[in-house]
Amino acid sequence: ETLHNHPSIVAWGLFNEFGPKGGWKHHRGIGGGFKRRYPQKKRQEIIQSHCDFVTGVVHEVRRRDKHKRPIHDSSGWIHVETDLWSFHEYQQRPERLEKILLNLPLCHIDGHSGQPLLASEYGGVGLDVGGPFGPRNPKEFL
C-alpha cells in the first residue's frame, strides 16, 4: 500500500562513455588525442554533431517523462546537458584514489556547473594491451 505509485526509476542514464575518453580537450589517445587527429574545422563539426545528438535525446526524454526525473546525459567523459555530473576514475590503489577524489583533476570536472557529482565508475581492473581482444591480452581474461 505505501509503495503505490512509487517510481522505481529515479533518474535517466542515457549514454556511457560517449565521445573521446577524457573529453574533447583532455583526450590523450593515439597520435596525441582528439585535438591532433583532425583539423580544427572537422573537430568543430564532430563536436557540434555530438552535442546536437545528445541534446536531442535529452530533450526527447524530458518531453516524454511525466515525472520530470533527473537526466544523466553521459556517464563518464563528456557532458552536454545534464542534471548529474559524473566521472570515471580507475586508480587501483585506495590511497591514490582518495587523493584524486579530494582534489579532482580538471579532466573530471571541466565544465561542471553545480550538478550533483558522481564517481560513476571507479576502481576495478583495467587491462588494455591492444584493445579488449588484442593479441597481447592474456587468454584467461578473454
Protein backbone atom coordinates (compact mmCIF):
# COMPACT_ATOMS: atom_id res chain seq x y z
CA GLU A 1 0.00 0.00 0.00
CA THR A 2 2.72 2.53 0.92
CA LEU A 3 4.62 1.91 -2.33
CA HIS A 4 1.66 2.62 -4.59
CA ASN A 5 2.83 4.85 -7.48
CA HIS A 6 6.36 4.91 -6.09
CA PRO A 7 8.76 5.32 -9.04
CA SER A 8 11.46 2.70 -9.43
CA ILE A 9 13.30 4.85 -11.97
CA VAL A 10 14.89 7.74 -10.08
CA ALA A 11 16.99 9.17 -12.94
CA TRP A 12 17.62 8.54 -16.62
CA GLY A 13 21.15 7.48 -17.66
CA LEU A 14 21.26 7.94 -21.42
CA PHE A 15 24.82 7.15 -22.57
CA ASN A 16 28.03 5.67 -21.19
CA GLU A 17 31.49 6.97 -22.15
CA PHE A 18 30.11 8.73 -25.19
CA GLY A 19 32.85 10.63 -27.02
CA PRO A 20 36.63 10.60 -26.61
CA LYS A 21 37.95 9.44 -23.23
CA GLY A 22 38.66 12.41 -21.00
CA GLY A 23 36.62 14.79 -23.13
CA TRP A 24 37.37 16.94 -26.14
CA LYS A 25 40.17 18.98 -24.54
CA HIS A 26 41.72 16.33 -22.30
CA HIS A 27 41.77 13.27 -24.58
CA ARG A 28 45.23 11.72 -24.82
CA GLY A 29 44.63 8.97 -27.34
CA ILE A 30 46.70 7.60 -30.19
CA GLY A 31 48.56 10.27 -32.16
CA GLY A 32 48.08 12.94 -29.49
CA GLY A 33 44.37 12.61 -28.99
CA PHE A 34 41.26 14.18 -30.45
CA LYS A 35 42.70 17.67 -30.83
CA ARG A 36 45.54 16.42 -33.04
CA ARG A 37 43.63 13.83 -35.00
CA TYR A 38 41.52 16.19 -37.11
CA PRO A 39 41.85 19.71 -38.45
CA GLN A 40 40.03 22.29 -36.31
CA LYS A 41 37.07 22.65 -38.68
CA LYS A 42 36.47 18.87 -38.68
CA ARG A 43 36.79 18.76 -34.87
CA GLN A 44 34.18 21.50 -34.53
CA GLU A 45 31.82 19.59 -36.86
CA ILE A 46 32.25 16.40 -34.83
CA ILE A 47 31.69 18.23 -31.53
CA GLN A 48 28.61 20.02 -32.87
CA SER A 49 27.15 16.78 -34.24
CA HIS A 50 27.78 15.02 -30.91
CA CYS A 51 26.23 17.88 -28.89
CA ASP A 52 23.21 18.14 -31.19
CA PHE A 53 22.57 14.41 -30.92
CA VAL A 54 22.88 14.28 -27.11
CA THR A 55 20.79 17.43 -26.68
CA GLY A 56 18.10 15.98 -28.95
CA VAL A 57 17.91 12.78 -26.92
CA VAL A 58 17.87 14.70 -23.62
CA HIS A 59 15.04 16.94 -24.85
CA GLU A 60 13.04 13.97 -26.07
CA VAL A 61 13.40 12.17 -22.72
CA ARG A 62 12.42 15.36 -20.85
CA ARG A 63 9.37 15.76 -23.11
CA ARG A 64 8.20 12.18 -22.53
CA ASP A 65 8.97 11.86 -18.80
CA LYS A 66 5.86 12.98 -16.94
CA HIS A 67 7.64 12.64 -13.57
CA LYS A 68 10.47 15.03 -14.58
CA ARG A 69 13.25 12.78 -13.30
CA PRO A 70 16.88 13.98 -13.42
CA ILE A 71 18.81 13.13 -16.58
CA HIS A 72 22.38 11.89 -16.62
CA ASP A 73 23.34 12.59 -20.22
CA SER A 74 26.51 10.51 -20.34
CA SER A 75 28.24 8.56 -17.63
CA GLY A 76 31.88 9.45 -17.68
CA TRP A 77 33.55 11.70 -20.13
CA ILE A 78 31.61 14.37 -21.95
CA HIS A 79 28.55 16.16 -20.61
CA VAL A 80 26.38 18.29 -22.85
CA GLU A 81 23.11 18.84 -20.99
CA THR A 82 22.94 17.02 -17.69
CA ASP A 83 21.36 17.15 -14.26
CA LEU A 84 24.00 14.79 -12.81
CA TRP A 85 27.74 15.19 -13.44
CA SER A 86 29.89 12.07 -13.38
CA PHE A 87 33.41 10.91 -13.98
CA HIS A 88 35.27 7.60 -14.17
CA GLU A 89 38.46 7.03 -12.22
CA TYR A 90 40.14 3.62 -12.20
CA GLN A 91 43.02 4.21 -9.81
CA GLN A 92 43.70 0.83 -8.20
CA ARG A 93 45.42 1.98 -5.01
CA PRO A 94 42.97 3.24 -2.36
CA GLU A 95 45.36 5.89 -1.01
CA ARG A 96 45.91 7.32 -4.51
CA LEU A 97 42.19 7.18 -5.29
CA GLU A 98 41.48 9.10 -2.08
CA LYS A 99 43.93 11.86 -3.12
CA ILE A 100 42.33 12.10 -6.56
CA LEU A 101 38.83 12.30 -5.10
CA LEU A 102 39.89 15.04 -2.66
CA ASN A 103 41.36 17.14 -5.47
CA LEU A 104 39.66 16.18 -8.73
CA PRO A 105 41.69 16.76 -11.89
CA LEU A 106 40.34 19.21 -14.45
CA CYS A 107 39.54 16.41 -16.91
CA HIS A 108 36.88 15.15 -14.44
CA ILE A 109 35.21 18.47 -13.71
CA ASP A 110 35.88 20.78 -16.67
CA GLY A 111 32.52 22.39 -17.39
CA HIS A 112 30.86 21.27 -14.14
CA SER A 113 28.34 23.88 -13.03
CA GLY A 114 26.83 22.82 -9.73
CA GLN A 115 25.18 19.50 -10.61
CA PRO A 116 25.49 16.65 -8.09
CA LEU A 117 28.87 14.99 -8.69
CA LEU A 118 29.13 11.19 -9.05
CA ALA A 119 32.11 8.88 -9.31
CA SER A 120 30.00 6.60 -11.50
CA GLU A 121 32.82 4.14 -12.23
CA TYR A 122 35.89 3.66 -10.05
CA GLY A 123 38.49 1.14 -9.02
CA GLY A 124 38.02 -2.13 -10.81
CA VAL A 125 40.59 -3.75 -13.02
CA GLY A 126 41.87 -2.18 -16.20
CA LEU A 127 43.75 -4.14 -18.82
CA ASP A 128 44.37 -2.64 -22.22
CA VAL A 129 47.15 -4.25 -24.18
CA GLY A 130 45.83 -3.97 -27.70
CA GLY A 131 42.12 -3.48 -27.11
CA PRO A 132 39.67 -5.83 -25.42
CA PHE A 133 40.54 -8.73 -27.72
CA GLY A 134 44.09 -7.67 -28.58
CA PRO A 135 46.72 -10.29 -29.32
CA ARG A 136 48.72 -9.50 -26.18
CA ASN A 137 45.81 -9.88 -23.74
CA PRO A 138 46.17 -12.99 -21.56
CA LYS A 139 43.81 -15.71 -22.80
CA GLU A 140 42.30 -16.25 -19.33
CA PHE A 141 40.81 -12.71 -19.50
CA LEU A 142 39.01 -13.25 -22.82
